Protein backbone atom coordinates (compact mmCIF):
# COMPACT_ATOMS: atom_id res chain seq x y z
CA MET A 1 28.10 -14.03 4.81
CA PRO A 2 26.82 -16.17 2.29
CA ALA A 3 23.43 -14.90 0.69
CA SER A 4 21.82 -18.23 1.11
CA THR A 5 22.24 -17.82 5.28
CA ALA A 6 21.67 -13.91 5.51
CA ALA A 7 17.74 -14.28 5.70
CA THR A 8 17.76 -16.40 8.90
CA ALA A 9 19.91 -14.07 11.21
CA THR A 10 17.02 -12.49 13.20
CA ALA A 11 13.97 -14.86 12.44
CA ALA A 12 13.78 -16.26 15.98
CA ALA A 13 13.23 -12.56 17.76
CA ALA A 14 10.65 -12.01 15.16
CA ALA A 15 8.62 -15.22 16.23
CA GLU A 16 9.17 -15.03 19.81
CA SER A 17 5.73 -14.35 20.91
CA ALA A 18 2.80 -16.22 19.55
CA ASP A 19 0.46 -14.92 22.17
CA PRO A 20 -1.67 -11.85 20.68
CA CYS A 21 -1.84 -10.70 24.41
CA CYS A 22 1.64 -10.66 24.73
CA ALA A 23 2.72 -9.50 21.48
CA GLU A 24 5.34 -6.77 20.72
CA PRO A 25 5.66 -4.66 18.07
CA LEU A 26 8.44 -5.80 15.36
CA PRO A 27 11.56 -3.75 15.47
CA VAL A 28 11.74 -1.25 12.68
CA LEU A 29 14.30 1.44 11.59
CA GLY A 30 13.46 4.69 13.04
CA ARG A 31 12.01 3.83 16.22
CA ASP A 32 14.40 5.49 18.48
CA VAL A 33 14.53 8.88 16.10
CA THR A 34 13.92 11.87 18.19
CA VAL A 35 12.52 15.10 16.34
CA PRO A 36 12.21 18.68 17.43
CA LEU A 37 9.21 20.31 18.62
CA VAL A 38 8.38 23.91 17.97
CA THR A 39 7.42 24.43 21.73
CA GLY A 40 11.10 23.38 22.75
CA GLY A 41 12.89 20.07 23.23
CA GLU A 42 12.49 16.73 21.38
CA VAL A 43 10.29 13.59 21.44
CA THR A 44 10.63 10.36 19.70
CA TYR A 45 9.04 10.49 16.58
CA ALA A 46 5.62 8.51 16.10
CA ALA A 47 5.52 7.45 12.66
CA LEU A 48 1.91 6.87 12.12
CA ASP A 49 1.71 7.29 8.14
CA TYR A 50 2.16 3.39 7.39
CA ALA A 51 -0.39 3.49 4.53
CA ALA A 52 2.01 5.78 2.62
CA SER A 53 5.17 4.15 3.46
CA ALA A 54 5.80 1.48 6.47
CA PRO A 55 9.22 1.81 8.24
CA ALA A 56 11.71 -0.95 7.37
CA LEU A 57 11.66 -4.00 9.48
CA GLN A 58 15.13 -4.30 11.13
CA ARG A 59 15.02 -7.87 10.12
CA VAL A 60 14.86 -6.76 6.48
CA TRP A 61 17.42 -4.22 6.91
CA ASP A 62 20.00 -6.59 8.63
CA ASP A 63 19.39 -9.21 5.87
CA VAL A 64 20.01 -6.90 3.19
CA ALA A 65 23.18 -5.77 4.68
CA ALA A 66 24.53 -9.18 5.01
CA TYR A 67 23.96 -9.66 1.20
CA ALA A 68 25.08 -6.36 0.03
CA PRO A 69 29.04 -7.27 0.13
CA TYR A 70 27.86 -10.24 -2.42
CA TYR A 71 25.90 -8.09 -4.64
CA GLY A 72 26.57 -8.65 -8.34
CA SER A 73 24.66 -8.56 -11.75
CA VAL A 74 22.11 -11.26 -12.21
CA HIS A 75 21.59 -13.49 -15.11
CA ARG A 76 24.19 -14.55 -17.72
CA GLY A 77 27.00 -13.58 -15.55
CA ALA A 78 29.78 -16.30 -15.33
CA GLY A 79 31.26 -14.94 -11.90
CA TYR A 80 30.53 -16.32 -8.47
CA LEU A 81 28.76 -13.02 -7.15
CA SER A 82 26.76 -12.84 -10.48
CA GLN A 83 25.51 -16.22 -9.94
CA LEU A 84 25.15 -15.91 -6.31
CA SER A 85 23.00 -12.87 -6.96
CA THR A 86 21.04 -14.79 -9.69
CA ASP A 87 20.25 -17.50 -7.33
CA LEU A 88 19.13 -15.01 -4.63
CA PHE A 89 16.84 -13.19 -7.02
CA GLU A 90 14.97 -16.31 -8.00
CA ASN A 91 14.82 -17.55 -4.70
CA ALA A 92 13.11 -14.18 -3.89
CA ARG A 93 10.54 -14.86 -6.75
CA ARG A 94 9.79 -18.41 -5.01
CA THR A 95 9.58 -16.81 -1.33
CA VAL A 96 7.05 -14.21 -2.62
CA ALA A 97 4.91 -16.94 -4.46
CA GLU A 98 4.76 -19.19 -1.22
CA PHE A 99 3.67 -15.81 0.70
CA LEU A 100 1.08 -15.34 -1.59
CA GLY A 101 -0.05 -18.67 -1.91
CA CYS A 102 0.39 -18.80 -5.73
CA ARG A 103 -1.07 -21.66 -7.84
CA GLU A 104 1.05 -23.96 -10.01
CA GLY A 105 1.84 -21.96 -13.28
CA ASP A 106 1.20 -18.51 -11.74
CA GLN A 107 4.10 -16.32 -12.48
CA VAL A 108 5.84 -13.56 -10.11
CA VAL A 109 6.73 -10.50 -11.86
CA PHE A 110 9.06 -8.02 -10.18
CA THR A 111 7.89 -4.31 -10.70
CA ARG A 112 8.68 -0.95 -9.13
CA SER A 113 5.31 -0.66 -7.32
CA THR A 114 1.56 -1.33 -7.11
CA THR A 115 1.25 1.43 -9.72
CA ASP A 116 3.65 -0.08 -11.89
CA SER A 117 2.31 -3.70 -11.36
CA LEU A 118 -1.08 -2.42 -12.44
CA ASN A 119 0.11 -0.54 -15.48
CA LEU A 120 1.96 -3.51 -16.66
CA LEU A 121 -1.36 -5.49 -16.42
CA ALA A 122 -3.29 -2.79 -18.38
CA ALA A 123 -0.70 -2.97 -21.16
CA ALA A 124 -1.22 -6.91 -21.13
CA LEU A 125 -4.89 -6.72 -21.62
CA PRO A 126 -6.40 -8.65 -24.66
CA ALA A 127 -7.78 -6.54 -27.45
CA ASP A 128 -11.24 -4.87 -26.73
CA CYS A 129 -11.14 -5.77 -22.98
CA GLN A 130 -13.72 -4.35 -20.69
CA VAL A 131 -12.63 -3.23 -17.33
CA PHE A 132 -14.84 -2.89 -14.28
CA VAL A 133 -13.27 -0.95 -11.14
CA PHE A 134 -15.27 0.98 -8.16
CA GLU A 135 -14.69 4.88 -7.85
CA THR A 136 -13.47 3.93 -4.55
CA GLU A 137 -10.14 2.85 -5.83
CA HIS A 138 -6.67 4.38 -5.04
CA HIS A 139 -5.58 5.87 -8.21
CA ALA A 140 -2.85 3.15 -8.77
CA SER A 141 -5.95 1.07 -9.67
CA LEU A 142 -8.43 3.46 -10.89
CA LEU A 143 -6.33 5.14 -13.59
CA PRO A 144 -4.00 2.81 -15.50
CA TRP A 145 -6.91 1.32 -17.84
CA ARG A 146 -6.90 4.18 -20.47
CA ASP A 147 -6.76 2.03 -23.39
CA ALA A 148 -9.54 -0.08 -22.30
CA ARG A 149 -13.39 0.26 -22.30
CA VAL A 150 -13.85 1.00 -18.52
CA THR A 151 -16.92 0.92 -16.48
CA TYR A 152 -16.70 2.82 -13.32
CA LEU A 153 -18.99 1.61 -10.33
CA ASN A 154 -20.38 3.82 -7.80
CA ALA A 155 -19.29 3.68 -4.14
CA PRO A 156 -21.11 0.90 -2.49
CA ARG A 157 -22.22 1.40 1.23
CA THR A 158 -22.35 -2.28 2.20
CA PRO A 159 -19.99 -5.40 1.22
CA GLY A 160 -23.15 -6.84 -0.16
CA ASP A 161 -23.90 -3.61 -2.22
CA ALA A 162 -20.52 -3.92 -3.68
CA VAL A 163 -21.08 -7.55 -4.86
CA ARG A 164 -24.61 -6.65 -6.17
CA ASN A 165 -23.46 -3.64 -8.02
CA LEU A 166 -20.57 -5.76 -9.74
CA GLU A 167 -23.16 -8.39 -10.55
CA ARG A 168 -25.47 -5.82 -12.31
CA ALA A 169 -22.70 -4.39 -14.32
CA LEU A 170 -21.32 -7.81 -15.16
CA ALA A 171 -24.60 -9.16 -16.50
CA ASP A 172 -24.91 -6.07 -19.09
CA ARG A 173 -21.47 -6.64 -20.50
CA ASP A 174 -20.50 -8.24 -23.79
CA PRO A 175 -20.71 -12.08 -22.70
CA TYR A 176 -18.08 -13.14 -25.41
CA GLY A 177 -15.39 -10.55 -24.87
CA PRO A 178 -12.66 -10.37 -22.19
CA ALA A 179 -13.21 -8.53 -18.95
CA LEU A 180 -11.20 -7.82 -15.96
CA VAL A 181 -12.53 -6.53 -12.42
CA CYS A 182 -10.06 -4.46 -10.38
CA VAL A 183 -10.82 -4.08 -6.67
CA THR A 184 -8.73 -3.28 -3.52
CA GLY A 185 -8.23 -5.64 -0.72
CA ALA A 186 -8.36 -2.90 2.19
CA SER A 187 -9.27 0.66 1.41
CA ASN A 188 -6.27 3.13 1.65
CA VAL A 189 -8.90 5.79 3.04
CA THR A 190 -10.87 4.03 5.47
CA GLY A 191 -8.87 0.71 6.17
CA GLU A 192 -12.15 -1.26 5.66
CA LEU A 193 -11.76 -4.94 4.23
CA TRP A 194 -13.59 -5.67 0.96
CA PRO A 195 -15.44 -8.78 0.18
CA VAL A 196 -12.79 -10.19 -2.42
CA ARG A 197 -13.78 -13.84 -2.28
CA GLU A 198 -17.19 -12.86 -3.16
CA LEU A 199 -16.40 -10.45 -5.75
CA ALA A 200 -13.83 -13.18 -7.25
CA ALA A 201 -16.64 -15.31 -7.35
CA ALA A 202 -19.23 -12.88 -9.11
CA ALA A 203 -16.30 -11.96 -11.65
CA HIS A 204 -15.73 -15.51 -12.64
CA ALA A 205 -19.62 -16.48 -12.76
CA HIS A 206 -19.80 -13.78 -15.47
CA GLY A 207 -16.47 -14.84 -17.23
CA ALA A 208 -14.33 -11.93 -16.17
CA ARG A 209 -10.97 -12.09 -14.45
CA ILE A 210 -10.01 -10.16 -11.06
CA VAL A 211 -6.88 -8.26 -10.06
CA LEU A 212 -6.49 -7.47 -6.45
CA ASP A 213 -4.78 -4.25 -5.32
CA ALA A 214 -3.31 -5.66 -2.12
CA ALA A 215 -1.20 -2.86 -1.33
CA GLN A 216 -2.79 -2.16 2.07
CA LEU A 217 -3.87 -5.56 2.85
CA ALA A 218 -0.66 -7.77 2.43
CA PRO A 219 1.14 -5.78 5.25
CA HIS A 220 -1.91 -6.43 7.77
CA HIS A 221 -3.47 -10.02 6.76
CA PRO A 222 -2.18 -13.20 5.26
CA LEU A 223 -2.87 -13.55 1.67
CA ASP A 224 -3.70 -16.71 -0.48
CA ILE A 225 -4.41 -16.07 -4.23
CA ALA A 226 -5.65 -19.75 -4.68
CA GLU A 227 -8.10 -19.19 -1.39
CA LEU A 228 -9.47 -15.89 -2.65
CA ASP A 229 -9.45 -17.22 -6.20
CA VAL A 230 -8.29 -14.01 -7.83
CA ASP A 231 -6.41 -14.02 -11.10
CA TRP A 232 -3.63 -11.56 -10.01
CA VAL A 233 -2.33 -9.76 -6.93
CA ALA A 234 -0.38 -6.53 -7.04
CA PHE A 235 1.49 -5.05 -3.84
CA SER A 236 4.44 -2.72 -3.08
CA GLY A 237 7.43 -3.36 -1.12
CA HIS A 238 7.42 -0.01 0.49
CA LYS A 239 4.31 -0.77 2.34
CA LEU A 240 5.46 -4.44 3.39
CA TYR A 241 8.28 -2.92 5.47
CA ALA A 242 10.81 -3.55 2.54
CA PRO A 243 12.69 -0.31 1.10
CA PHE A 244 14.48 0.04 -2.32
CA GLY A 245 11.47 0.56 -4.66
CA SER A 246 10.15 -2.95 -5.78
CA GLY A 247 6.77 -4.20 -6.24
CA VAL A 248 4.96 -7.35 -7.52
CA LEU A 249 2.55 -8.51 -9.77
CA ALA A 250 1.57 -12.26 -9.35
CA GLY A 251 -0.91 -14.44 -10.88
CA ARG A 252 -1.99 -16.15 -14.25
CA ALA A 253 0.55 -16.21 -16.82
CA ASP A 254 -1.29 -16.32 -20.20
CA TRP A 255 -2.36 -12.95 -20.73
CA LEU A 256 1.26 -11.95 -19.82
CA ARG A 257 2.74 -14.31 -22.07
CA ALA A 258 0.62 -13.32 -24.97
CA ALA A 259 1.24 -9.45 -24.57
CA GLU A 260 4.16 -7.37 -25.66
CA PRO A 261 7.04 -6.66 -23.28
CA TYR A 262 6.01 -4.18 -20.68
CA LEU A 263 9.63 -2.72 -21.48
CA ALA A 264 11.64 -3.78 -24.43
CA GLY A 265 15.51 -4.51 -23.89
CA GLY A 266 17.96 -6.70 -22.45
CA GLY A 267 16.43 -9.44 -20.34
CA ALA A 268 13.16 -9.59 -21.76
CA SER A 269 14.47 -10.84 -25.22
CA ARG A 270 15.69 -14.67 -25.59
CA THR A 271 17.37 -14.06 -28.95
CA VAL A 272 17.65 -10.93 -31.43
CA THR A 273 18.70 -11.49 -35.14
CA ARG A 274 19.23 -9.09 -38.02
CA ARG A 275 16.99 -9.34 -41.05
CA THR A 276 18.44 -9.17 -44.61
CA ASP A 277 15.99 -6.12 -45.09
CA GLY A 278 17.90 -4.21 -41.90
CA GLY A 279 15.38 -4.88 -39.26
CA VAL A 280 15.48 -7.34 -36.53
CA ASP A 281 13.58 -10.28 -35.29
CA VAL A 282 13.22 -10.69 -31.53
CA GLU A 283 12.04 -13.94 -29.76
CA TRP A 284 10.75 -12.74 -26.16
CA HIS A 285 10.70 -14.75 -23.20
CA ASP A 286 7.62 -16.32 -21.97
CA THR A 287 8.69 -16.25 -18.19
CA ALA A 288 8.53 -13.44 -16.07
CA ALA A 289 11.71 -12.27 -17.43
CA ARG A 290 9.61 -11.32 -20.60
CA HIS A 291 8.31 -8.09 -18.48
CA GLU A 292 11.38 -7.37 -16.32
CA ALA A 293 13.67 -5.80 -19.19
CA GLY A 294 17.07 -4.21 -17.82
CA SER A 295 19.10 -4.82 -14.86
CA PRO A 296 16.48 -5.99 -12.18
CA ASN A 297 16.35 -4.38 -8.81
CA VAL A 298 17.85 -7.27 -6.97
CA ILE A 299 18.31 -5.76 -3.49
CA GLY A 300 14.58 -4.44 -3.72
CA ALA A 301 13.39 -7.92 -4.86
CA TYR A 302 15.32 -9.46 -1.90
CA SER A 303 13.80 -7.11 0.56
CA ILE A 304 10.37 -8.05 -0.25
CA ALA A 305 11.49 -11.61 0.16
CA ALA A 306 13.25 -10.81 3.64
CA ALA A 307 9.67 -9.09 4.55
CA CYS A 308 7.73 -11.79 3.58
CA LYS A 309 9.51 -14.15 5.60
CA ALA A 310 9.87 -11.97 8.67
CA LEU A 311 6.00 -11.51 8.69
CA THR A 312 5.27 -15.10 8.14
CA GLU A 313 7.52 -16.19 10.94
CA ALA A 314 6.27 -13.63 13.09
CA GLY A 315 2.77 -15.05 12.97
CA PHE A 316 0.07 -13.28 11.36
CA ASP A 317 -2.40 -14.17 14.17
CA ALA A 318 -0.44 -12.42 16.70
CA LEU A 319 0.27 -9.55 14.29
CA VAL A 320 -3.67 -9.11 13.47
CA ALA A 321 -4.68 -9.53 17.16
CA ARG A 322 -2.43 -6.65 18.13
CA GLU A 323 -3.21 -4.41 15.45
CA ARG A 324 -6.99 -4.64 16.39
CA GLN A 325 -6.16 -3.59 19.99
CA LEU A 326 -4.49 -0.54 18.41
CA ILE A 327 -7.46 0.11 16.05
CA ARG A 328 -9.61 -0.03 19.29
CA THR A 329 -7.34 2.27 21.00
CA VAL A 330 -7.59 4.80 18.26
CA ARG A 331 -11.44 4.57 17.45
CA GLU A 332 -12.59 4.68 21.10
CA GLY A 333 -10.25 7.66 21.84
CA LEU A 334 -11.70 9.47 18.63
CA ALA A 335 -15.01 8.62 19.65
CA GLU A 336 -14.85 10.60 22.73
CA VAL A 337 -14.33 13.86 21.02
CA PRO A 338 -17.64 15.06 19.59
CA GLU A 339 -16.08 17.27 16.81
CA VAL A 340 -14.45 14.41 14.96
CA ARG A 341 -15.97 12.39 12.45
CA VAL A 342 -14.42 9.26 11.11
CA LEU A 343 -14.93 8.37 7.53
CA SER A 344 -16.42 5.01 6.52
CA LEU A 345 -18.15 3.58 3.77
CA PHE A 346 -19.21 0.03 5.49
CA GLY A 347 -19.94 1.53 9.16
CA ASP A 348 -18.36 1.21 12.50
CA ASP A 349 -18.52 -2.59 12.76
CA ALA A 350 -16.82 -3.41 9.42
CA PRO A 351 -13.44 -5.27 9.90
CA ARG A 352 -10.56 -3.17 8.92
CA VAL A 353 -6.79 -2.82 9.04
CA GLY A 354 -4.80 -0.05 10.77
CA VAL A 355 -5.74 2.82 8.50
CA ILE A 356 -8.34 5.51 9.80
CA SER A 357 -9.22 8.61 8.21
CA PHE A 358 -11.20 11.41 9.76
CA VAL A 359 -12.19 15.23 9.89
CA VAL A 360 -12.47 17.72 12.74
CA ASP A 361 -15.21 20.37 12.76
CA GLY A 362 -13.73 23.87 12.52
CA TRP A 363 -10.28 22.63 11.52
CA ASN A 364 -8.53 22.64 8.18
CA SER A 365 -6.94 19.27 7.82
CA SER A 366 -3.44 20.56 6.84
CA HIS A 367 -3.29 22.60 9.98
CA PHE A 368 -4.49 19.86 12.10
CA ALA A 369 -1.92 17.70 10.67
CA ALA A 370 0.93 20.28 10.97
CA ALA A 371 0.17 20.76 14.57
CA LEU A 372 0.23 16.91 15.41
CA SER A 373 3.79 17.08 13.86
CA ALA A 374 5.23 20.22 15.06
CA GLU A 375 3.89 20.23 18.63
CA TYR A 376 3.70 16.55 19.45
CA GLY A 377 6.02 14.66 17.04
CA ILE A 378 3.49 12.62 15.25
CA GLY A 379 3.56 12.06 11.56
CA VAL A 380 0.13 11.77 9.87
CA ARG A 381 -1.21 12.58 6.29
CA ASP A 382 -3.59 14.68 5.31
CA GLY A 383 -5.28 15.50 1.89
CA LEU A 384 -7.43 13.01 -0.67
CA PHE A 385 -4.80 10.33 -0.31
CA CYS A 386 -4.58 9.60 -4.04
CA ALA A 387 -8.27 8.43 -3.79
CA HIS A 388 -10.02 11.72 -4.55
CA PRO A 389 -13.52 10.35 -5.86
CA LEU A 390 -13.66 8.24 -2.62
CA VAL A 391 -12.71 11.12 -0.18
CA ARG A 392 -15.28 13.52 -1.97
CA THR A 393 -18.03 10.99 -1.69
CA LEU A 394 -17.36 10.44 1.95
CA LEU A 395 -17.10 14.35 2.56
CA GLY A 396 -19.88 15.39 0.24
CA SER A 397 -17.48 17.75 -1.06
CA ALA A 398 -17.03 19.11 -4.73
CA PRO A 399 -13.73 19.05 -6.38
CA ASP A 400 -12.41 22.17 -4.89
CA GLU A 401 -9.16 23.61 -3.47
CA PRO A 402 -8.62 23.35 0.19
CA GLY A 403 -8.65 26.55 2.47
CA GLU A 404 -5.75 28.32 3.68
CA CYS A 405 -4.18 27.18 6.86
CA GLY A 406 -4.46 29.07 10.12
CA ALA A 407 -8.19 29.81 9.54
CA PRO A 408 -10.90 26.89 9.64
CA GLU A 409 -11.50 25.44 6.04
CA ALA A 410 -15.14 25.05 6.96
CA ALA A 411 -17.10 26.33 9.96
CA PRO A 412 -18.28 23.70 12.34
CA GLY A 413 -21.00 21.47 10.98
CA GLU A 414 -20.10 22.46 7.32
CA ARG A 415 -18.42 20.31 4.94
CA SER A 416 -14.59 19.60 5.05
CA LEU A 417 -12.77 19.62 1.83
CA ASN A 418 -9.89 17.01 2.93
CA ALA A 419 -9.33 14.70 5.69
CA ILE A 420 -6.42 13.39 7.95
CA ARG A 421 -5.22 9.88 7.93
CA VAL A 422 -3.56 7.92 10.71
CA SER A 423 -2.14 4.38 9.94
CA PHE A 424 -0.03 1.95 11.75
CA GLY A 425 1.00 -1.70 11.64
CA ALA A 426 3.31 -4.23 13.03
CA GLY A 427 5.97 -1.86 14.21
CA THR A 428 3.86 0.57 15.88
CA PRO A 429 4.39 0.94 19.64
CA ASP A 430 1.27 1.53 21.93
CA GLU A 431 2.60 4.78 23.30
CA HIS A 432 2.28 6.21 19.58
CA VAL A 433 -1.31 5.65 19.25
CA GLU A 434 -2.02 6.81 22.99
CA ARG A 435 0.22 9.98 22.05
CA PHE A 436 -1.99 10.58 19.05
CA VAL A 437 -5.13 10.32 20.88
CA ARG A 438 -4.08 12.44 23.56
CA ALA A 439 -2.88 14.94 21.02
CA VAL A 440 -6.30 15.15 19.18
CA LYS A 441 -7.98 15.72 22.22
CA GLU A 442 -5.88 18.62 23.66
CA LEU A 443 -5.83 20.21 20.23
CA VAL A 444 -9.40 20.06 19.78
CA SER A 445 -10.16 21.24 23.51
CA ASP A 446 -7.31 23.79 23.72
CA GLY A 447 -6.14 24.71 20.23
CA ALA A 448 -2.78 24.69 18.83
CA ARG A 449 -0.02 26.30 20.99
CA TRP A 450 1.51 27.94 17.93
CA SER A 451 0.79 29.96 14.80
CA TYR A 452 1.04 28.23 11.45
CA ARG A 453 1.08 29.85 7.80
CA THR A 454 0.78 28.32 4.35
CA GLU A 455 3.90 28.02 2.36
CA ASP A 456 3.51 26.32 -1.31
CA GLY A 457 0.22 25.00 -0.45
CA ARG A 458 1.14 23.24 3.17
CA CYS A 459 0.50 24.45 6.58
CA VAL A 460 3.91 24.99 8.29
CA PRO A 461 4.85 26.45 11.62
CA ASP A 462 5.36 30.06 11.54
CA THR A 463 8.83 30.71 12.45
CA ASP A 464 9.32 34.30 11.08
CA SER A 465 7.06 36.01 13.52
CA GLU A 466 8.57 37.36 16.78
CA ALA A 467 5.46 36.19 18.50
CA THR A 468 4.98 32.71 17.24
CA ALA A 469 2.92 31.23 20.23
CA ALA A 470 -0.80 31.07 19.33
């Protein structure tokens, strides 16, 4: 099947229902996988760790499978498959640009992930650039700025506080030097939406630029660079229902063109010539290829483009409406359990995506997550979620190691040292979140039905004991 027609095979099914009340979850890989329970039998796996990696859309998988026989090296190849793959790779770039609402002149650079994208931008900062970043960021956007002057802003408690804190910090900066603000679109811990447009306006009013970490925003909400007026956007394919380890940095071209290539090598160079003194002179590309040295991840880029098309054709209005119903189901269910405390910066009424973190009085979070998996077939995440400063701020805890499992890490009413995160999205069936709510209530009221032990720092079912039932 020619690659030019591969992307249209399943579009109609994905976009069939525009009515939010009747919207069905989008088909994803793994939706029929069953897993064993320690208490006996098997159950369909409830994948509720979308914030880490979302399952691949079936549409994406089908499109990639249709293209795979036509895979070839991109750029400069004379053969038919090479030219076909080059066309597909560059068309993927245009599809992503349309999905993001890029402006004329913006560049779309394919990377490995959000982390890679933000490290690329950090390497392209002008000399003596000052960076402003909230302590609430994921480590991918908190840590890459090692070679810049960094101002870390305290965690705000309202969206308005975030804007005011940034404005105060920017007012004190060197007004003539370059500056960059880095902010998330949706928290990977609380799911709360940040006031991106207002933060962008504050940044630009003080002569700074802004990059948006959209890793958690892009899979859940429509995203428009021009409307938000941000300078760059970074996101990952593996959170956008697209496997194969690819990401995107999209936005203004000038800093990227002026910077040394992120990686030096073939593809980034336009010409290379020997000098009489034995060295070499290099003329680098000034397009996105400047920062895409080496053989690119064509299938990864194509999978992102396929996901962008699938989400657009499914209709974000319907996807957002359905996700809000799932959020309501989880939050109302957790609110019925007095021992559960949901973590939040901006409060219960803040708009959010399908990412919810919480702690349970009297439970070690690793123990609770292990019991959800082993006894109910539910996959969630526990820990500090690569956002250590934020989670510790929300918990009011010091940077200590979590306690052993099998015993509470903190007595009821005392501080917990880490948290549990449940996350979901366009492929999540109602039954998965309903099972999760039921499991939380049963574990809190009745306790675990199995005994657990610590192994390599994680809580796991104890299968060595003759009497394993708790």
